[in-house]
Amino acid sequence: MIYPESLSQQKVGDIVTWNYHAAGVLRQYGIDFCCGGGISLQEACEKKQAPLDVVVQQIADLAGAASTGSSDNYHEWDPAFLIDYIENTHHRFVRSKSNEIAAYSQKVAKVHGERHPENVSIFHAFYGLIQDLLQHLEAEESVVFPLIKKASRLRAEGQPLDDQLREQLQAELDGLESDHEHAGEVMAQIRHLSNDFTPPPEACTTYRILYQNLAGFEENLHKHVHLENNILFRKAQALIA
């Protein structure tokens, strides 16, 4: 794995695009590589007061060990193939886990909310988030993804894209990135409320399962948003340029 420029000046989202294994390093320091992926690694480390030299070295060490399998080279995938992957992996995950996590959250809020009121806030924040996310997925699948696939097909066939398609797709992309930013902010709020998804020592099994599931949901969401914001949507922008 060879990065295109000095790691410290490389955008966070680009680093993860070139090698998704770097996401694990960034996550250790609380660095947002999906919604906040547009700033340099140096800026991100300064914001989180993370040791830049250590982070750079950890990411650089991944280069030799990075898998060369196609599963890691998301940026090389055709837009249509990437869309199918996102739908079958990340959209399916949101739909399958949302109700389960919400049920756990409601139960913990009801049983433990008086002593640990942060769980009431977590429930309301997560419930609102999944309502927004489910609408968001429908919009992507019914409108935006078909537009990207159409633009990709026309380009592959050497046909021009009309102005209406360009304008509609651009407007849709702008709205989706705004939705992603909101989702990231809500999950960051939940992380803060849950003390980095760390239950108190006396927490019951359901309490612990909830926090484990919330951590997994955030990790999946980060990858989901990264694949769209930093890879798929850039491919779409190139198609309509």
Protein backbone atom coordinates (compact mmCIF):
# COMPACT_ATOMS: atom_id res chain seq x y z
CA MET A 1 0.00 0.00 0.00
CA ILE A 2 1.55 3.30 -1.12
CA TYR A 3 -0.13 6.52 -0.06
CA PRO A 4 -0.18 9.32 -2.64
CA GLU A 5 1.38 11.96 -0.37
CA SER A 6 2.73 12.61 3.11
CA LEU A 7 0.36 10.98 5.58
CA SER A 8 0.15 13.97 7.89
CA GLN A 9 -1.20 16.17 5.08
CA GLN A 10 -3.41 13.49 3.55
CA LYS A 11 -7.15 13.89 4.14
CA VAL A 12 -8.47 11.48 6.73
CA GLY A 13 -11.15 10.14 4.40
CA ASP A 14 -8.57 9.52 1.67
CA ILE A 15 -6.32 7.58 4.02
CA VAL A 16 -9.15 5.20 4.85
CA THR A 17 -10.14 5.00 1.19
CA TRP A 18 -6.66 3.80 0.28
CA ASN A 19 -6.51 1.36 3.18
CA TYR A 20 -9.61 0.66 5.25
CA HIS A 21 -7.49 -0.98 7.97
CA ALA A 22 -6.46 2.57 8.94
CA ALA A 23 -9.98 3.09 10.27
CA GLY A 24 -9.09 1.01 13.33
CA VAL A 25 -6.17 3.29 14.15
CA LEU A 26 -8.23 6.44 13.75
CA ARG A 27 -11.02 4.99 15.86
CA GLN A 28 -8.59 4.53 18.76
CA TYR A 29 -8.15 8.29 18.92
CA GLY A 30 -11.77 9.22 18.25
CA ILE A 31 -10.96 10.63 14.81
CA ASP A 32 -13.98 10.80 12.49
CA PHE A 33 -13.03 9.48 9.05
CA CYS A 34 -16.51 9.52 7.49
CA CYS A 35 -18.36 12.81 8.07
CA GLY A 36 -15.17 14.52 9.24
CA GLY A 37 -12.99 12.97 6.57
CA GLY A 38 -12.36 16.18 4.66
CA ILE A 39 -9.59 17.51 6.89
CA SER A 40 -5.94 16.48 7.01
CA LEU A 41 -4.64 13.91 9.46
CA GLN A 42 -2.61 16.65 11.13
CA GLU A 43 -5.72 18.80 11.67
CA ALA A 44 -7.69 15.81 12.95
CA CYS A 45 -4.97 14.91 15.45
CA GLU A 46 -4.77 18.50 16.65
CA LYS A 47 -8.55 18.58 17.22
CA LYS A 48 -8.42 15.36 19.25
CA GLN A 49 -5.07 16.16 20.90
CA ALA A 50 -3.74 12.89 19.52
CA PRO A 51 0.03 12.33 18.98
CA LEU A 52 0.48 12.93 15.26
CA ASP A 53 3.81 11.11 14.99
CA VAL A 54 2.41 8.01 16.71
CA VAL A 55 -0.75 7.97 14.58
CA VAL A 56 1.26 8.42 11.37
CA GLN A 57 3.57 5.56 12.32
CA GLN A 58 0.70 3.24 13.21
CA ILE A 59 -0.98 3.88 9.87
CA ALA A 60 2.29 3.57 7.95
CA ASP A 61 2.94 0.22 9.65
CA LEU A 62 -0.31 -1.05 8.16
CA ALA A 63 0.92 -0.51 4.61
CA GLY A 64 3.03 -3.63 4.43
CA ALA A 65 0.44 -5.81 6.11
CA ALA A 66 -2.58 -4.52 4.18
CA SER A 67 -4.50 -7.12 2.27
CA THR A 68 -4.44 -6.84 -1.49
CA GLY A 69 -7.81 -8.58 -1.76
CA SER A 70 -10.56 -6.90 -3.71
CA SER A 71 -12.66 -6.65 -0.54
CA ASP A 72 -10.38 -3.85 0.66
CA ASN A 73 -10.15 -1.95 -2.62
CA TYR A 74 -13.53 -0.29 -2.46
CA HIS A 75 -12.29 2.71 -4.42
CA GLU A 76 -11.60 0.43 -7.41
CA TRP A 77 -15.13 -0.96 -7.54
CA ASP A 78 -17.61 0.02 -10.22
CA PRO A 79 -20.32 2.37 -8.84
CA ALA A 80 -23.12 -0.14 -9.49
CA PHE A 81 -21.23 -2.94 -7.74
CA LEU A 82 -20.43 -0.67 -4.78
CA ILE A 83 -24.09 0.35 -4.53
CA ASP A 84 -25.19 -3.29 -4.43
CA TYR A 85 -22.61 -3.97 -1.71
CA ILE A 86 -23.79 -1.01 0.39
CA GLU A 87 -27.42 -2.06 0.09
CA ASN A 88 -26.81 -5.74 0.82
CA THR A 89 -24.40 -5.10 3.68
CA HIS A 90 -25.00 -1.78 5.40
CA HIS A 91 -28.62 -1.01 4.55
CA ARG A 92 -29.56 -4.55 5.54
CA PHE A 93 -27.65 -4.14 8.81
CA VAL A 94 -29.52 -0.94 9.72
CA ARG A 95 -32.88 -2.51 8.98
CA SER A 96 -32.13 -5.74 10.85
CA LYS A 97 -30.56 -4.20 13.98
CA SER A 98 -32.50 -0.96 14.50
CA ASN A 99 -35.61 -2.41 16.18
CA GLU A 100 -33.56 -4.80 18.29
CA ILE A 101 -31.30 -2.06 19.64
CA ALA A 102 -34.23 0.30 20.17
CA ALA A 103 -36.00 -2.39 22.22
CA TYR A 104 -32.93 -2.91 24.40
CA SER A 105 -32.57 0.85 24.79
CA GLN A 106 -36.21 1.30 25.79
CA LYS A 107 -35.94 -1.46 28.38
CA VAL A 108 -32.73 -0.06 29.90
CA ALA A 109 -34.22 3.44 29.98
CA LYS A 110 -37.34 2.15 31.74
CA VAL A 111 -35.53 0.00 34.32
CA HIS A 112 -32.41 2.09 34.93
CA GLY A 113 -33.47 5.56 33.80
CA GLU A 114 -34.12 6.93 37.27
CA ARG A 115 -30.66 6.08 38.55
CA HIS A 116 -28.91 6.59 35.20
CA PRO A 117 -30.99 9.22 33.34
CA GLU A 118 -28.52 9.32 30.46
CA ASN A 119 -30.16 6.13 29.22
CA VAL A 120 -33.44 7.94 28.69
CA SER A 121 -31.62 10.46 26.51
CA ILE A 122 -29.86 7.64 24.67
CA PHE A 123 -33.18 5.96 23.90
CA HIS A 124 -34.76 9.13 22.52
CA ALA A 125 -31.64 10.00 20.50
CA PHE A 126 -31.33 6.51 19.01
CA TYR A 127 -35.05 6.18 18.27
CA GLY A 128 -35.03 9.51 16.42
CA LEU A 129 -31.89 8.50 14.56
CA ILE A 130 -33.30 5.25 13.23
CA GLN A 131 -36.49 6.96 12.03
CA ASP A 132 -34.34 9.37 10.04
CA LEU A 133 -32.01 6.63 8.80
CA LEU A 134 -34.79 4.39 7.54
CA GLN A 135 -36.25 7.28 5.51
CA HIS A 136 -32.74 8.07 4.29
CA LEU A 137 -32.19 4.51 3.06
CA GLU A 138 -35.47 4.57 1.16
CA ALA A 139 -34.49 7.81 -0.55
CA GLU A 140 -31.11 6.40 -1.55
CA GLU A 141 -32.53 3.17 -2.91
CA SER A 142 -35.51 4.65 -4.74
CA VAL A 143 -33.96 7.83 -6.15
CA VAL A 144 -30.24 8.44 -5.69
CA PHE A 145 -28.74 5.03 -6.35
CA PRO A 146 -30.75 4.54 -9.57
CA LEU A 147 -29.56 7.96 -10.75
CA ILE A 148 -25.92 7.04 -10.10
CA LYS A 149 -26.35 3.72 -11.88
CA LYS A 150 -27.96 5.48 -14.84
CA ALA A 151 -25.15 8.03 -15.05
CA SER A 152 -22.56 5.26 -14.80
CA ARG A 153 -24.24 3.25 -17.57
CA LEU A 154 -24.48 6.26 -19.88
CA ARG A 155 -20.80 7.06 -19.35
CA ALA A 156 -19.83 3.45 -20.02
CA GLU A 157 -21.81 3.54 -23.26
CA GLY A 158 -20.19 6.81 -24.29
CA GLN A 159 -23.47 8.71 -24.15
CA PRO A 160 -23.85 12.27 -22.81
CA LEU A 161 -25.60 13.11 -19.55
CA ASP A 162 -28.35 15.70 -19.84
CA ASP A 163 -28.39 18.75 -17.59
CA GLN A 164 -31.51 17.60 -15.75
CA LEU A 165 -29.81 14.38 -14.64
CA ARG A 166 -26.70 16.27 -13.54
CA GLU A 167 -28.66 18.84 -11.54
CA GLN A 168 -30.96 16.29 -9.92
CA LEU A 169 -28.11 14.02 -8.89
CA GLN A 170 -26.06 16.91 -7.53
CA ALA A 171 -28.97 18.15 -5.43
CA GLU A 172 -29.61 14.67 -4.08
CA LEU A 173 -25.95 14.16 -3.16
CA ASP A 174 -25.86 17.44 -1.24
CA GLY A 175 -28.88 16.38 0.79
CA LEU A 176 -27.50 12.94 1.57
CA GLU A 177 -24.21 14.29 2.89
CA SER A 178 -26.16 16.59 5.21
CA ASP A 179 -28.12 13.58 6.48
CA HIS A 180 -24.90 11.69 7.08
CA GLU A 181 -23.45 14.55 9.08
CA HIS A 182 -26.55 14.62 11.29
CA ALA A 183 -26.38 10.86 11.86
CA GLY A 184 -22.73 11.12 12.85
CA GLU A 185 -23.51 13.91 15.30
CA VAL A 186 -26.28 11.85 16.95
CA MET A 187 -24.03 8.81 17.34
CA ALA A 188 -21.30 11.03 18.79
CA GLN A 189 -23.85 12.32 21.31
CA ILE A 190 -24.82 8.75 22.22
CA ARG A 191 -21.16 7.81 22.61
CA HIS A 192 -20.69 10.75 24.97
CA LEU A 193 -23.81 9.96 27.00
CA SER A 194 -22.78 6.32 27.35
CA ASN A 195 -19.21 7.14 28.44
CA ASP A 196 -17.79 5.63 25.25
CA PHE A 197 -20.28 2.74 25.46
CA THR A 198 -18.97 1.76 28.89
CA PRO A 199 -21.71 0.45 31.21
CA PRO A 200 -21.38 0.94 34.99
CA PRO A 201 -19.93 -1.96 37.00
CA GLU A 202 -23.35 -2.98 38.33
CA ALA A 203 -24.96 -3.07 34.87
CA CYS A 204 -27.21 -6.03 34.07
CA THR A 205 -26.85 -8.21 31.00
CA THR A 206 -29.35 -6.22 28.92
CA TYR A 207 -27.56 -2.99 29.83
CA ARG A 208 -24.24 -4.44 28.65
CA ILE A 209 -25.74 -5.90 25.48
CA LEU A 210 -27.25 -2.51 24.64
CA TYR A 211 -23.91 -0.73 24.90
CA GLN A 212 -22.14 -3.45 22.89
CA ASN A 213 -24.79 -3.13 20.18
CA LEU A 214 -24.56 0.66 20.14
CA ALA A 215 -20.79 0.44 19.69
CA GLY A 216 -21.26 -2.01 16.82
CA PHE A 217 -23.94 0.18 15.26
CA GLU A 218 -21.63 3.20 15.34
CA GLU A 219 -18.75 1.23 13.80
CA ASN A 220 -20.98 -0.04 11.01
CA LEU A 221 -22.42 3.44 10.42
CA HIS A 222 -18.95 4.95 10.13
CA LYS A 223 -17.96 2.46 7.43
CA HIS A 224 -21.34 2.88 5.72
CA VAL A 225 -20.99 6.67 5.56
CA HIS A 226 -17.33 6.44 4.55
CA LEU A 227 -18.16 4.21 1.58
CA GLU A 228 -20.81 6.66 0.44
CA ASN A 229 -19.30 10.06 1.21
CA ASN A 230 -15.66 9.36 0.41
CA ILE A 231 -15.97 6.79 -2.39
CA LEU A 232 -19.40 6.39 -4.02
CA PHE A 233 -20.38 10.05 -4.01
CA ARG A 234 -16.97 11.06 -5.36
CA LYS A 235 -17.43 8.59 -8.18
CA ALA A 236 -20.85 10.13 -8.81
CA GLN A 237 -19.35 13.63 -8.83
CA ALA A 238 -16.81 12.50 -11.41
CA LEU A 239 -19.61 11.09 -13.57
CA ILE A 240 -21.50 14.39 -13.71
CA ALA A 241 -18.42 16.64 -13.93
